[in-house]
Amino acid sequence: MLKKEKVLIIDDSKLNIQLLNSILEDEYEVYFATNGRKGLEIAELNLPDIVLLDVVMPDMDGFEVIGEFKKNSELKDIPIIFITSLGADEDEQKGFESGAVDYISKPFRPEIAKVRIRNHLLLKRQRDLLFSMAIHDQLTNLFNRRYLYEFLEKEWFRSVRSQKALSVILADIDFFKKYNDTYGHQMGDQCLVRVASVLRQSIKRPMDIAARYGGEEFILVLPETGMPGAEHTGQSIIKKLHEIKIPHEASDILPYVTMSMGITTMVPRRDVSFEEIVKKADNNLYRAKEKGRNCLVKDDLPF
């Protein structure tokens, strides 16, 4: 069963809310607020797919509310449709300039309003799909390298401010070239997908990400995580691969797929580039391979 899309109605008229709810509730999950402040709170908690916003309200009018949406990184891309009795061209122009995607005048025809809402939700789905394709690796569906660096840079500067540890795990499938030579590239792709699934399952928090770094290399970024937590995550991946035993007869270690890992933890500083944490993890990965593979190597000393 498909999850219903979320519609948030912000309107000080309970009658308007009831009318809109009656035409939307069968198809969508509907939330409502009778003032701007409450609407913003509900939006932050539930992240609606679209907002229907009255312009004329006490305390905060619609233009002020949409301004607050646009300031919030999590809310700024949510499409907002103004619903208002204002009819002047300058008001409509102001609405579009402030970021609204459409403008429905009161009194509105319910079926026309419903069609316009449906059309904007379709546009949002298409935009979200394109964005998802741009930031994900098409084979493994993990994040791609481009998104990884954007995320890592953002988390680096956030950790500079909070002075909380940031951990990175760089992992490499052992003897993957031999795997491809033995089983073929199609089976190699299937192997990458299965390993990616293990990595995805190993991260438990929304703030953590797993990405394909290139070829058979993967990377995990764990914000607000010290070395004990990062090491636990790495060991759990190694253990899970031992349990599922993806066959690898050409491996020099075991007859199934294993991984080598380099783990590093830093409390970021302004005078150090975020790329430094990846370099340190890569150095530790090299040491893990020298050590015999199928293991992890972590920092000797805290940074």
Protein backbone atom coordinates (compact mmCIF):
# COMPACT_ATOMS: atom_id res chain seq x y z
CA MET A 1 0.00 0.00 0.00
CA LEU A 2 1.42 3.37 -1.04
CA LYS A 3 1.99 5.91 1.68
CA LYS A 4 -0.35 8.89 1.43
CA GLU A 5 1.18 12.25 0.62
CA LYS A 6 0.91 14.90 3.33
CA VAL A 7 -1.03 18.13 2.89
CA LEU A 8 -0.78 20.92 5.48
CA ILE A 9 -3.53 23.54 5.59
CA ILE A 10 -2.73 26.81 7.40
CA ASP A 11 -5.85 28.98 7.63
CA ASP A 12 -7.46 30.90 10.48
CA SER A 13 -10.92 29.96 9.14
CA LYS A 14 -12.07 26.61 10.52
CA LEU A 15 -14.79 26.55 7.86
CA ASN A 16 -12.16 26.70 5.08
CA ILE A 17 -10.15 23.97 6.79
CA GLN A 18 -13.22 21.74 7.03
CA LEU A 19 -14.06 22.30 3.37
CA LEU A 20 -10.53 21.55 2.17
CA ASN A 21 -10.26 18.54 4.47
CA SER A 22 -13.53 17.11 3.10
CA ILE A 23 -12.18 17.08 -0.46
CA LEU A 24 -8.65 15.89 0.41
CA GLU A 25 -8.91 13.43 3.31
CA ASP A 26 -9.71 10.37 1.16
CA GLU A 27 -6.60 10.80 -0.97
CA TYR A 28 -4.09 12.52 1.35
CA GLU A 29 -2.94 12.66 4.95
CA VAL A 30 -4.19 16.09 6.02
CA TYR A 31 -2.76 18.29 8.79
CA PHE A 32 -4.04 21.73 9.71
CA ALA A 33 -3.21 24.80 11.79
CA THR A 34 -5.19 27.99 12.44
CA ASN A 35 -2.14 30.25 12.68
CA GLY A 36 1.31 30.60 11.15
CA ARG A 37 3.38 29.69 14.20
CA LYS A 38 1.52 26.43 14.75
CA GLY A 39 1.72 25.69 11.02
CA LEU A 40 5.51 26.01 11.10
CA GLU A 41 5.70 23.67 14.11
CA ILE A 42 3.56 21.06 12.37
CA ALA A 43 5.61 21.40 9.17
CA GLU A 44 8.89 20.84 11.02
CA LEU A 45 7.50 17.72 12.73
CA ASN A 46 5.75 16.14 9.74
CA LEU A 47 7.49 17.56 6.61
CA PRO A 48 4.39 17.88 4.41
CA ASP A 49 4.53 17.37 0.66
CA ILE A 50 2.53 20.54 -0.01
CA VAL A 51 1.16 23.48 1.99
CA LEU A 52 -2.11 25.36 1.43
CA LEU A 53 -1.58 28.76 3.02
CA ASP A 54 -4.06 31.54 3.73
CA VAL A 55 -2.66 35.03 3.21
CA VAL A 56 -4.77 37.12 5.59
CA MET A 57 -4.26 35.81 9.14
CA PRO A 58 -3.71 37.52 12.50
CA ASP A 59 -0.22 37.70 14.07
CA MET A 60 1.61 36.28 11.01
CA ASP A 61 0.20 36.73 7.54
CA GLY A 62 0.89 34.30 4.71
CA PHE A 63 3.79 36.31 3.33
CA GLU A 64 5.56 36.18 6.71
CA VAL A 65 4.87 32.44 7.03
CA ILE A 66 6.28 31.62 3.60
CA GLY A 67 9.32 33.72 4.49
CA GLU A 68 9.94 31.47 7.50
CA PHE A 69 9.54 28.37 5.32
CA LYS A 70 12.16 29.65 2.89
CA LYS A 71 14.65 30.28 5.73
CA ASN A 72 14.40 26.67 6.93
CA SER A 73 16.65 24.23 5.02
CA GLU A 74 14.23 21.33 5.59
CA LEU A 75 11.10 23.27 4.57
CA LYS A 76 12.32 25.63 1.85
CA ASP A 77 11.56 23.31 -1.09
CA ILE A 78 8.03 22.35 -0.04
CA PRO A 79 5.56 23.74 -2.63
CA ILE A 80 3.18 26.33 -1.15
CA ILE A 81 -0.14 27.33 -2.67
CA PHE A 82 -1.66 30.60 -1.46
CA ILE A 83 -5.40 30.47 -0.84
CA THR A 84 -6.85 33.93 -0.36
CA SER A 85 -9.67 36.36 -1.00
CA LEU A 86 -7.20 39.07 -2.05
CA GLY A 87 -7.71 39.79 -5.71
CA ALA A 88 -5.32 42.59 -6.59
CA ASP A 89 -2.67 41.78 -9.19
CA GLU A 90 0.06 43.18 -6.94
CA ASP A 91 -0.90 40.72 -4.17
CA GLU A 92 -0.72 37.81 -6.59
CA GLN A 93 2.64 39.05 -7.88
CA LYS A 94 3.92 39.39 -4.30
CA GLY A 95 2.82 35.83 -3.61
CA PHE A 96 4.77 34.41 -6.55
CA GLU A 97 7.81 36.55 -5.77
CA SER A 98 7.82 35.26 -2.20
CA GLY A 99 8.02 31.67 -3.47
CA ALA A 100 4.45 30.40 -3.85
CA VAL A 101 3.89 27.92 -6.69
CA ASP A 102 0.23 28.79 -7.23
CA TYR A 103 -2.53 31.13 -6.13
CA ILE A 104 -6.15 30.02 -5.55
CA SER A 105 -8.75 32.73 -4.95
CA LYS A 106 -11.62 32.40 -2.49
CA PRO A 107 -14.33 31.35 -2.84
CA PHE A 108 -12.74 28.41 -4.66
CA ARG A 109 -14.30 25.54 -6.54
CA PRO A 110 -13.36 22.36 -4.60
CA GLU A 111 -12.74 20.13 -7.62
CA ILE A 112 -10.58 22.74 -9.36
CA ALA A 113 -8.56 23.23 -6.17
CA LYS A 114 -8.12 19.46 -5.87
CA VAL A 115 -6.83 19.17 -9.45
CA ARG A 116 -4.33 22.00 -8.94
CA ILE A 117 -3.09 20.42 -5.71
CA ARG A 118 -2.71 17.05 -7.46
CA ASN A 119 -0.77 18.63 -10.33
CA HIS A 120 1.71 20.35 -8.00
CA LEU A 121 2.22 17.12 -6.05
CA LEU A 122 2.97 15.34 -9.33
CA LEU A 123 5.56 17.99 -10.19
CA LYS A 124 7.10 17.56 -6.73
CA ARG A 125 7.32 13.77 -7.18
CA GLN A 126 9.07 14.23 -10.50
CA ARG A 127 11.50 16.77 -9.00
CA ASP A 128 12.21 14.51 -6.02
CA LEU A 129 12.88 11.57 -8.35
CA LEU A 130 15.36 13.59 -10.42
CA PHE A 131 17.10 14.79 -7.27
CA SER A 132 17.30 11.24 -5.90
CA MET A 133 18.82 10.00 -9.16
CA ALA A 134 21.39 12.81 -9.04
CA ILE A 135 22.67 11.92 -5.57
CA HIS A 136 22.50 8.12 -5.60
CA ASP A 137 24.69 5.49 -7.21
CA GLN A 138 22.49 3.82 -9.82
CA LEU A 139 23.74 0.27 -9.12
CA THR A 140 23.79 0.08 -5.32
CA ASN A 141 21.34 2.90 -4.53
CA LEU A 142 23.78 4.17 -1.92
CA PHE A 143 24.71 7.84 -2.06
CA ASN A 144 27.22 8.72 -4.76
CA ARG A 145 30.60 10.41 -4.40
CA ARG A 146 29.27 13.83 -5.36
CA TYR A 147 26.69 13.82 -2.56
CA LEU A 148 29.21 12.30 -0.16
CA TYR A 149 31.53 15.30 -0.40
CA GLU A 150 28.65 17.77 -0.04
CA PHE A 151 27.40 15.93 3.04
CA LEU A 152 30.85 15.50 4.54
CA GLU A 153 31.72 19.17 4.13
CA LYS A 154 28.44 20.22 5.76
CA GLU A 155 28.91 17.80 8.68
CA TRP A 156 32.53 18.88 9.08
CA PHE A 157 31.59 22.52 9.66
CA ARG A 158 28.65 21.52 11.85
CA SER A 159 31.05 19.46 13.98
CA VAL A 160 33.49 22.39 14.13
CA ARG A 161 30.72 24.40 15.79
CA SER A 162 29.50 21.63 18.10
CA GLN A 163 32.98 20.20 18.78
CA LYS A 164 31.56 16.68 18.58
CA ALA A 165 33.47 13.78 17.04
CA LEU A 166 33.00 12.79 13.42
CA SER A 167 33.93 9.29 12.23
CA VAL A 168 34.56 7.86 8.76
CA ILE A 169 34.86 4.22 7.69
CA LEU A 170 36.47 3.52 4.32
CA ALA A 171 35.87 -0.08 3.24
CA ASP A 172 37.11 -2.13 0.31
CA ILE A 173 35.99 -5.60 -0.89
CA ASP A 174 38.98 -7.93 -0.70
CA PHE A 175 40.28 -9.30 -4.03
CA PHE A 176 37.33 -7.97 -5.99
CA LYS A 177 39.20 -8.08 -9.31
CA LYS A 178 39.63 -11.82 -8.81
CA TYR A 179 35.91 -12.03 -8.05
CA ASN A 180 35.05 -10.42 -11.40
CA ASP A 181 37.59 -12.56 -13.24
CA THR A 182 36.09 -15.73 -11.70
CA TYR A 183 32.36 -15.03 -11.77
CA GLY A 184 31.98 -12.31 -14.41
CA HIS A 185 31.00 -8.66 -14.15
CA GLN A 186 27.27 -9.34 -13.89
CA MET A 187 27.82 -11.44 -10.77
CA GLY A 188 30.26 -8.76 -9.62
CA ASP A 189 27.49 -6.19 -9.81
CA GLN A 190 25.21 -8.47 -7.78
CA CYS A 191 27.96 -8.81 -5.20
CA LEU A 192 28.26 -5.02 -4.92
CA VAL A 193 24.50 -4.74 -4.41
CA ARG A 194 24.53 -7.35 -1.62
CA VAL A 195 27.48 -5.70 0.12
CA ALA A 196 25.77 -2.31 -0.19
CA SER A 197 22.71 -3.80 1.51
CA VAL A 198 24.86 -4.93 4.44
CA LEU A 199 26.34 -1.43 4.75
CA ARG A 200 22.90 0.18 4.59
CA GLN A 201 21.62 -2.09 7.36
CA SER A 202 24.64 -1.31 9.54
CA ILE A 203 23.74 2.36 9.99
CA LYS A 204 20.93 2.92 12.47
CA ARG A 205 20.48 6.71 12.61
CA PRO A 206 19.05 9.09 9.99
CA MET A 207 22.14 11.30 10.33
CA ASP A 208 24.52 8.49 9.19
CA ILE A 209 25.13 7.82 5.51
CA ALA A 210 26.69 5.08 3.39
CA ALA A 211 28.07 5.91 -0.06
CA ARG A 212 29.80 4.18 -2.93
CA TYR A 213 33.23 5.75 -3.09
CA GLY A 214 34.27 4.14 -6.36
CA GLY A 215 34.47 0.63 -7.82
CA GLU A 216 34.45 -1.77 -4.89
CA GLU A 217 35.16 0.94 -2.29
CA PHE A 218 32.52 2.24 0.08
CA ILE A 219 32.47 4.91 2.76
CA LEU A 220 30.37 5.48 5.86
CA VAL A 221 30.11 8.89 7.52
CA LEU A 222 29.00 8.82 11.16
CA PRO A 223 28.39 12.28 12.68
CA GLU A 224 28.54 12.70 16.45
CA THR A 225 30.24 9.30 16.76
CA GLY A 226 33.47 8.50 18.58
CA MET A 227 35.88 5.67 17.83
CA PRO A 228 34.06 3.03 19.96
CA GLY A 229 30.84 3.54 18.03
CA ALA A 230 32.60 3.58 14.65
CA GLU A 231 34.61 0.46 15.50
CA HIS A 232 31.42 -1.33 16.58
CA THR A 233 29.81 -0.47 13.23
CA GLY A 234 32.84 -1.73 11.31
CA GLN A 235 33.01 -4.99 13.25
CA SER A 236 29.29 -5.59 12.74
CA ILE A 237 29.77 -5.28 8.94
CA ILE A 238 32.66 -7.77 8.98
CA LYS A 239 30.58 -10.15 11.12
CA LYS A 240 27.54 -9.87 8.85
CA LEU A 241 29.61 -10.64 5.74
CA HIS A 242 30.96 -13.74 7.50
CA GLU A 243 27.38 -14.80 8.23
CA ILE A 244 25.90 -14.37 4.76
CA LYS A 245 28.94 -15.94 3.04
CA ILE A 246 28.81 -14.56 -0.50
CA PRO A 247 30.91 -17.18 -2.37
CA HIS A 248 34.40 -16.06 -3.45
CA GLU A 249 36.50 -19.09 -4.34
CA ALA A 250 39.30 -16.93 -5.76
CA SER A 251 39.90 -15.09 -2.49
CA ASP A 252 43.29 -15.62 -0.85
CA ILE A 253 41.67 -15.34 2.59
CA LEU A 254 38.36 -17.20 2.86
CA PRO A 255 36.01 -18.83 0.33
CA TYR A 256 33.56 -15.96 0.66
CA VAL A 257 33.52 -12.18 0.35
CA THR A 258 35.32 -10.17 3.04
CA MET A 259 36.20 -6.51 3.50
CA SER A 260 39.13 -4.46 4.74
CA MET A 261 38.43 -1.19 6.55
CA GLY A 262 40.14 1.96 7.68
CA ILE A 263 38.47 3.91 10.46
CA THR A 264 39.29 7.38 11.69
CA THR A 265 37.68 9.75 14.16
CA MET A 266 38.27 13.50 14.47
CA VAL A 267 36.92 16.44 16.37
CA PRO A 268 37.02 18.83 13.38
CA ARG A 269 38.94 22.11 13.46
CA ARG A 270 38.63 25.19 11.27
CA ASP A 271 42.29 25.02 10.23
CA VAL A 272 41.91 21.45 8.85
CA SER A 273 40.10 20.53 5.62
CA PHE A 274 37.29 17.97 5.74
CA GLU A 275 39.24 15.99 3.13
CA GLU A 276 41.81 15.19 5.83
CA ILE A 277 39.46 12.71 7.51
CA VAL A 278 39.09 10.75 4.26
CA LYS A 279 42.89 10.70 3.78
CA LYS A 280 43.39 9.34 7.28
CA ALA A 281 40.74 6.65 6.74
CA ASP A 282 42.42 5.74 3.43
CA ASN A 283 45.79 5.40 5.18
CA ASN A 284 44.22 3.09 7.74
CA LEU A 285 42.57 1.06 4.96
CA TYR A 286 46.01 0.60 3.36
CA ARG A 287 47.36 -0.62 6.70
CA ALA A 288 44.44 -3.09 6.99
CA LYS A 289 45.38 -4.56 3.60
CA GLU A 290 49.04 -4.82 4.63
CA LYS A 291 47.91 -6.53 7.82
CA GLY A 292 46.31 -9.33 5.83
CA ARG A 293 42.85 -7.96 4.91
CA ASN A 294 39.50 -9.08 6.34
CA CYS A 295 40.06 -6.70 9.25
CA LEU A 296 39.84 -3.08 10.31
CA VAL A 297 42.55 -0.67 11.34
CA LYS A 298 41.74 2.41 13.39
CA ASP A 299 43.71 5.47 14.46
CA ASP A 300 46.70 4.80 16.71
CA LEU A 301 46.13 8.09 18.51
CA PRO A 302 43.17 10.46 18.64
CA PHE A 303 43.48 13.46 16.31
